[in-house]
């Protein structure tokens, strides 16, 4: 999930538009997956909760 979140955010020409299109095609709001930051204790939970929503 970490690699997917990183790839979507940093691939503005291919990955990000594809992510937004997939979200809108499925009737979901296009939201970026938060990245996991080792020094922020809650970031892993935030990343996983968004990933479960969009699975």
N, C-alpha and C. Protein backbone atom coordinates (compact mmCIF):
# COMPACT_ATOMS: atom_id res chain seq x y z
N UNK A 1 0.83 -1.19 0.00
CA UNK A 1 0.00 0.00 0.00
C UNK A 1 0.87 1.24 0.00
N UNK A 2 2.00 1.18 0.70
CA UNK A 2 2.92 2.34 0.71
C UNK A 2 3.40 2.66 -0.69
N UNK A 3 3.78 1.63 -1.43
CA UNK A 3 4.28 1.84 -2.79
C UNK A 3 3.19 2.35 -3.71
N UNK A 4 1.97 1.87 -3.54
CA UNK A 4 0.85 2.34 -4.35
C UNK A 4 0.56 3.81 -4.07
N UNK A 5 0.53 4.20 -2.81
CA UNK A 5 0.28 5.60 -2.46
C UNK A 5 1.37 6.50 -3.03
N UNK A 6 2.61 6.06 -2.93
CA UNK A 6 3.73 6.84 -3.47
C UNK A 6 3.63 6.96 -4.98
N UNK A 7 3.29 5.86 -5.65
CA UNK A 7 3.21 5.86 -7.12
C UNK A 7 2.08 6.76 -7.62
N UNK A 8 0.95 6.74 -6.94
CA UNK A 8 -0.17 7.58 -7.37
C UNK A 8 0.17 9.05 -7.22
N UNK A 9 0.76 9.42 -6.11
CA UNK A 9 1.07 10.82 -5.85
C UNK A 9 2.15 11.34 -6.79
N UNK A 10 3.17 10.53 -7.06
CA UNK A 10 4.31 11.00 -7.84
C UNK A 10 4.20 10.72 -9.33
N UNK A 11 3.14 10.11 -9.79
CA UNK A 11 2.94 9.87 -11.21
C UNK A 11 1.79 10.75 -11.69
N UNK A 12 2.05 12.03 -11.81
CA UNK A 12 0.98 12.98 -12.11
C UNK A 12 0.46 12.86 -13.54
N UNK A 13 1.23 12.27 -14.45
CA UNK A 13 0.77 12.19 -15.83
C UNK A 13 -0.01 10.92 -16.14
N UNK A 14 0.27 9.83 -15.44
CA UNK A 14 -0.40 8.56 -15.74
C UNK A 14 -1.19 8.05 -14.52
N UNK A 15 -0.52 7.89 -13.41
CA UNK A 15 -1.15 7.26 -12.25
C UNK A 15 -2.25 8.06 -11.61
N UNK A 16 -2.04 9.35 -11.42
CA UNK A 16 -3.04 10.19 -10.76
C UNK A 16 -4.32 10.33 -11.58
N UNK A 17 -4.24 10.62 -12.89
CA UNK A 17 -5.49 10.66 -13.66
C UNK A 17 -6.21 9.30 -13.72
N UNK A 18 -5.45 8.22 -13.78
CA UNK A 18 -6.07 6.89 -13.79
C UNK A 18 -6.77 6.61 -12.46
N UNK A 19 -6.16 7.02 -11.37
CA UNK A 19 -6.77 6.84 -10.04
C UNK A 19 -8.07 7.64 -9.94
N UNK A 20 -8.02 8.88 -10.38
CA UNK A 20 -9.22 9.73 -10.32
C UNK A 20 -10.34 9.17 -11.19
N UNK A 21 -9.99 8.68 -12.38
CA UNK A 21 -11.00 8.11 -13.27
C UNK A 21 -11.60 6.84 -12.67
N UNK A 22 -10.78 6.00 -12.09
CA UNK A 22 -11.28 4.77 -11.47
C UNK A 22 -12.22 5.09 -10.31
N UNK A 23 -11.89 6.11 -9.55
CA UNK A 23 -12.76 6.49 -8.43
C UNK A 23 -14.10 7.02 -8.93
N UNK A 24 -14.07 7.90 -9.91
CA UNK A 24 -15.32 8.47 -10.40
C UNK A 24 -16.16 7.43 -11.15
N UNK A 25 -15.51 6.50 -11.84
CA UNK A 25 -16.25 5.43 -12.52
C UNK A 25 -17.00 4.54 -11.54
N UNK A 26 -16.46 4.39 -10.35
CA UNK A 26 -17.09 3.56 -9.32
C UNK A 26 -17.97 4.36 -8.37
N UNK A 27 -18.18 5.63 -8.68
CA UNK A 27 -19.06 6.47 -7.86
C UNK A 27 -18.47 6.89 -6.54
N UNK A 28 -17.15 6.93 -6.46
CA UNK A 28 -16.48 7.33 -5.22
C UNK A 28 -15.80 8.67 -5.40
N UNK A 29 -15.59 9.36 -4.30
CA UNK A 29 -14.87 10.62 -4.34
C UNK A 29 -13.39 10.33 -4.54
N UNK A 30 -12.75 11.05 -5.45
CA UNK A 30 -11.33 10.85 -5.71
C UNK A 30 -10.52 11.47 -4.58
N UNK A 31 -9.94 10.62 -3.76
CA UNK A 31 -9.15 11.07 -2.62
C UNK A 31 -7.80 10.36 -2.68
N UNK A 32 -6.75 11.08 -2.42
CA UNK A 32 -5.43 10.47 -2.41
C UNK A 32 -5.24 9.63 -1.16
N UNK A 33 -4.47 8.57 -1.29
CA UNK A 33 -4.14 7.73 -0.15
C UNK A 33 -3.05 8.43 0.64
N UNK A 34 -3.28 8.70 1.93
CA UNK A 34 -2.23 9.36 2.72
C UNK A 34 -0.99 8.48 2.81
N UNK A 35 0.15 9.12 2.83
CA UNK A 35 1.41 8.38 2.92
C UNK A 35 1.75 8.08 4.36
N UNK A 36 2.43 6.97 4.56
CA UNK A 36 2.88 6.58 5.89
C UNK A 36 4.17 7.32 6.21
N UNK A 37 4.19 8.03 7.31
CA UNK A 37 5.37 8.76 7.77
C UNK A 37 5.79 8.11 9.09
N UNK A 38 7.01 7.64 9.17
CA UNK A 38 7.45 6.89 10.34
C UNK A 38 7.38 7.69 11.63
N UNK A 39 7.55 9.00 11.57
CA UNK A 39 7.56 9.81 12.79
C UNK A 39 6.16 10.24 13.22
N UNK A 40 5.15 9.97 12.40
CA UNK A 40 3.77 10.29 12.77
C UNK A 40 3.06 8.99 13.09
N UNK A 41 2.69 8.80 14.33
CA UNK A 41 2.16 7.52 14.78
C UNK A 41 0.82 7.18 14.14
N UNK A 42 0.05 8.17 13.74
CA UNK A 42 -1.29 7.92 13.22
C UNK A 42 -1.32 7.78 11.70
N UNK A 43 -0.23 8.03 11.02
CA UNK A 43 -0.25 8.04 9.56
C UNK A 43 -0.48 6.64 8.97
N UNK A 44 0.02 5.61 9.61
CA UNK A 44 -0.21 4.25 9.13
C UNK A 44 -1.70 3.90 9.21
N UNK A 45 -2.33 4.27 10.31
CA UNK A 45 -3.77 4.03 10.45
C UNK A 45 -4.56 4.79 9.39
N UNK A 46 -4.20 6.05 9.15
CA UNK A 46 -4.89 6.85 8.14
C UNK A 46 -4.75 6.22 6.76
N UNK A 47 -3.55 5.77 6.42
CA UNK A 47 -3.30 5.16 5.13
C UNK A 47 -4.13 3.88 4.97
N UNK A 48 -4.15 3.05 5.99
CA UNK A 48 -4.88 1.79 5.90
C UNK A 48 -6.39 1.99 5.89
N UNK A 49 -6.89 2.98 6.62
CA UNK A 49 -8.33 3.20 6.63
C UNK A 49 -8.83 3.69 5.27
N UNK A 50 -8.04 4.52 4.60
CA UNK A 50 -8.42 4.97 3.25
C UNK A 50 -8.30 3.81 2.28
N UNK A 51 -7.27 2.99 2.42
CA UNK A 51 -7.09 1.85 1.51
C UNK A 51 -8.23 0.85 1.64
N UNK A 52 -8.73 0.63 2.84
CA UNK A 52 -9.85 -0.29 3.03
C UNK A 52 -11.11 0.28 2.38
N UNK A 53 -11.28 1.58 2.45
CA UNK A 53 -12.45 2.22 1.84
C UNK A 53 -12.44 2.05 0.33
N UNK A 54 -11.26 2.14 -0.29
CA UNK A 54 -11.14 2.10 -1.75
C UNK A 54 -10.76 0.73 -2.30
N UNK A 55 -10.79 -0.32 -1.48
CA UNK A 55 -10.36 -1.64 -1.98
C UNK A 55 -11.23 -2.21 -3.06
